[in-house]
Amino acid sequence: MGIRDLVPWTRGQQLATRQEPLDPFLALHREVNRLFDDVFRGFGPLGRAGSPLMEGQFGWPRLELSETDKAVTVSAELPGLGEKDVQVEIANGVLSIRGEKKAERNDDSRFFSERYYGSFERQIPLEGVQEDKAQAEFKNGVLTVTLPKSEQSSRNVKRIPVNAN
């Protein structure tokens, strides 16, 4: 296996030789895929095109949002970070998670790396939570923020009946 086989955008691609008949639909499919790859390569998080943040991937860190009758819980995967590397704030109904992951080593011997280093920020709009009672816990690379719901948010829920046709 060569280095070229480790690069994800070259896996499974075979160069057409003159002896092989070229299927026009397969060629069109490959060209459209290449065009989409070229368009989306180099974009950082939404609204920050060209930034060094997580090139080619939107929305890092990955989040999980869950809701019960009493609380809203936001979990973020932050592998390789500690609680001192992360800042959590809530203001005006928006939960902000930001931080920075620094490179573990600084050398130029890497040919290809899919690891992420740099700053990040995610903002999650939340309504009907008690901002002053929010709690955050960081364990095994997962940040969990729990926000109790306000009493008013449970009263504002209106159930809508679903009719079958």
Protein backbone atom coordinates (compact mmCIF):
# COMPACT_ATOMS: atom_id res chain seq x y z
CA MET A 1 0.00 0.00 0.00
CA GLY A 2 1.45 3.33 -1.04
CA ILE A 3 0.97 6.79 0.40
CA ARG A 4 -1.45 7.56 -2.46
CA ASP A 5 -3.77 4.81 -1.16
CA LEU A 6 -4.07 6.56 2.23
CA VAL A 7 -5.38 9.80 0.72
CA PRO A 8 -9.21 9.49 0.81
CA TRP A 9 -9.95 11.37 -2.39
CA THR A 10 -7.74 9.02 -4.46
CA ARG A 11 -9.09 5.73 -3.09
CA GLY A 12 -10.79 3.59 -5.68
CA GLN A 13 -9.93 5.90 -8.56
CA GLN A 14 -8.32 4.22 -11.49
CA LEU A 15 -6.82 6.07 -14.38
CA ALA A 16 -8.36 5.20 -17.71
CA THR A 17 -5.91 3.65 -20.12
CA ARG A 18 -6.23 3.65 -23.86
CA GLN A 19 -6.91 -0.09 -23.94
CA GLU A 20 -10.00 0.18 -21.65
CA PRO A 21 -13.30 1.27 -23.19
CA LEU A 22 -14.43 4.43 -21.36
CA ASP A 23 -18.03 4.32 -20.14
CA PRO A 24 -19.44 7.84 -20.73
CA PHE A 25 -21.81 7.64 -17.73
CA LEU A 26 -19.02 6.55 -15.40
CA ALA A 27 -16.81 9.36 -16.72
CA LEU A 28 -19.63 11.88 -16.15
CA HIS A 29 -20.19 10.53 -12.62
CA ARG A 30 -16.49 10.87 -11.77
CA GLU A 31 -16.31 14.38 -13.23
CA VAL A 32 -19.36 15.57 -11.25
CA ASN A 33 -17.87 14.10 -8.05
CA ARG A 34 -14.58 15.83 -8.76
CA LEU A 35 -16.36 19.15 -9.32
CA PHE A 36 -18.22 18.89 -6.01
CA ASP A 37 -15.00 17.94 -4.21
CA ASP A 38 -13.26 20.98 -5.69
CA VAL A 39 -16.10 23.30 -4.67
CA PHE A 40 -16.26 22.17 -1.04
CA ARG A 41 -12.53 21.68 -0.45
CA GLY A 42 -11.07 24.62 1.44
CA PHE A 43 -14.23 25.78 3.19
CA GLY A 44 -14.04 26.20 6.95
CA PRO A 45 -17.03 26.39 9.27
CA LEU A 46 -20.04 28.22 7.87
CA GLY A 47 -19.48 31.93 7.54
CA ARG A 48 -15.71 31.65 7.73
CA ALA A 49 -14.64 30.55 4.27
CA GLY A 50 -10.90 30.33 3.86
CA SER A 51 -10.22 30.10 7.59
CA PRO A 52 -7.77 27.48 8.86
CA LEU A 53 -10.51 25.91 10.98
CA MET A 54 -11.33 22.32 10.14
CA GLU A 55 -10.83 22.69 6.41
CA GLY A 56 -13.49 20.87 4.44
CA GLN A 57 -15.70 19.93 7.37
CA PHE A 58 -18.64 21.91 8.69
CA GLY A 59 -19.65 21.97 12.33
CA TRP A 60 -16.82 20.81 14.54
CA PRO A 61 -17.04 19.78 17.30
CA ARG A 62 -19.85 17.34 16.67
CA LEU A 63 -22.81 17.89 18.96
CA GLU A 64 -25.63 15.87 20.42
CA LEU A 65 -28.69 17.67 21.71
CA SER A 66 -31.23 15.95 23.94
CA GLU A 67 -34.28 17.27 25.70
CA THR A 68 -36.46 16.04 28.55
CA ASP A 69 -39.39 17.66 30.30
CA LYS A 70 -37.01 19.25 32.81
CA ALA A 71 -33.75 20.03 30.96
CA VAL A 72 -31.89 20.46 27.70
CA THR A 73 -28.52 18.68 27.43
CA VAL A 74 -25.82 19.53 24.89
CA SER A 75 -22.89 17.13 24.50
CA ALA A 76 -19.82 17.94 22.39
CA GLU A 77 -17.04 15.53 21.44
CA LEU A 78 -13.68 17.20 22.08
CA PRO A 79 -11.03 14.48 21.84
CA GLY A 80 -7.54 15.49 22.87
CA LEU A 81 -8.69 18.54 24.82
CA GLY A 82 -8.89 19.26 28.52
CA GLU A 83 -11.32 21.41 30.48
CA LYS A 84 -8.81 24.30 30.44
CA ASP A 85 -8.82 24.28 26.61
CA VAL A 86 -12.59 24.89 26.38
CA GLN A 87 -14.68 27.97 27.17
CA VAL A 88 -18.46 27.71 27.63
CA GLU A 89 -20.72 30.77 27.76
CA ILE A 90 -24.46 31.43 27.52
CA ALA A 91 -25.96 34.81 26.78
CA ASN A 92 -29.25 35.95 25.24
CA GLY A 93 -30.39 32.39 24.63
CA VAL A 94 -27.22 31.32 22.76
CA LEU A 95 -24.84 28.70 24.13
CA SER A 96 -21.27 29.23 22.86
CA ILE A 97 -18.59 26.54 23.01
CA ARG A 98 -15.13 27.65 21.90
CA GLY A 99 -11.55 26.59 22.35
CA GLU A 100 -8.34 25.63 20.66
CA LYS A 101 -6.57 22.36 20.00
CA LYS A 102 -2.82 22.78 19.76
CA ALA A 103 -0.56 20.51 17.74
CA GLU A 104 1.12 17.86 19.85
CA ARG A 105 4.29 18.02 17.80
CA ASN A 106 5.67 20.61 15.46
CA ASP A 107 7.61 19.05 12.63
CA ASP A 108 7.42 19.01 8.88
CA SER A 109 7.83 15.25 8.48
CA ARG A 110 4.08 14.66 8.04
CA PHE A 111 3.01 14.00 4.48
CA PHE A 112 -0.71 13.65 5.13
CA SER A 113 -2.78 14.28 8.24
CA GLU A 114 -6.52 14.12 8.90
CA ARG A 115 -6.10 15.38 12.44
CA TYR A 116 -7.50 18.78 13.38
CA TYR A 117 -5.57 21.54 15.07
CA GLY A 118 -6.71 25.11 15.61
CA SER A 119 -9.49 27.22 17.04
CA PHE A 120 -13.16 26.30 16.97
CA GLU A 121 -16.48 27.81 18.00
CA ARG A 122 -20.05 26.50 17.97
CA GLN A 123 -23.12 28.53 18.85
CA ILE A 124 -26.39 26.79 19.72
CA PRO A 125 -29.58 28.85 20.07
CA LEU A 126 -31.68 27.70 23.03
CA GLU A 127 -35.06 28.99 24.18
CA GLY A 128 -36.87 28.50 27.46
CA VAL A 129 -33.87 27.55 29.62
CA GLN A 130 -32.67 28.94 32.92
CA GLU A 131 -29.31 30.41 31.91
CA ASP A 132 -28.21 31.10 35.49
CA LYS A 133 -28.57 27.42 36.48
CA ALA A 134 -26.54 25.91 33.62
CA GLN A 135 -23.94 23.29 34.55
CA ALA A 136 -21.02 21.95 32.50
CA GLU A 137 -19.02 18.76 32.98
CA PHE A 138 -15.98 17.56 31.03
CA LYS A 139 -15.18 13.85 31.15
CA ASN A 140 -13.23 11.56 28.77
CA GLY A 141 -13.13 14.15 26.00
CA VAL A 142 -16.87 14.85 26.10
CA LEU A 143 -18.25 18.19 27.27
CA THR A 144 -21.80 17.96 28.65
CA VAL A 145 -23.77 21.14 29.33
CA THR A 146 -27.09 20.76 31.17
CA LEU A 147 -29.59 23.61 31.14
CA PRO A 148 -32.78 23.30 33.23
CA LYS A 149 -35.94 24.39 31.44
CA SER A 150 -37.87 27.36 32.73
CA GLU A 151 -41.41 26.91 34.01
CA GLN A 152 -42.74 29.17 31.27
CA SER A 153 -41.31 27.00 28.48
CA SER A 154 -43.39 23.97 29.54
CA ARG A 155 -46.57 26.11 29.66
CA ASN A 156 -46.02 27.43 26.13
CA VAL A 157 -46.21 23.95 24.57
CA LYS A 158 -49.34 23.33 22.53
CA ARG A 159 -50.05 19.85 21.26
CA ILE A 160 -51.22 19.72 17.65
CA PRO A 161 -53.39 16.75 16.66
CA VAL A 162 -52.35 14.79 13.59
CA ASN A 163 -55.17 13.76 11.26
CA ALA A 164 -54.97 10.76 8.93
CA ASN A 165 -56.10 11.25 5.35
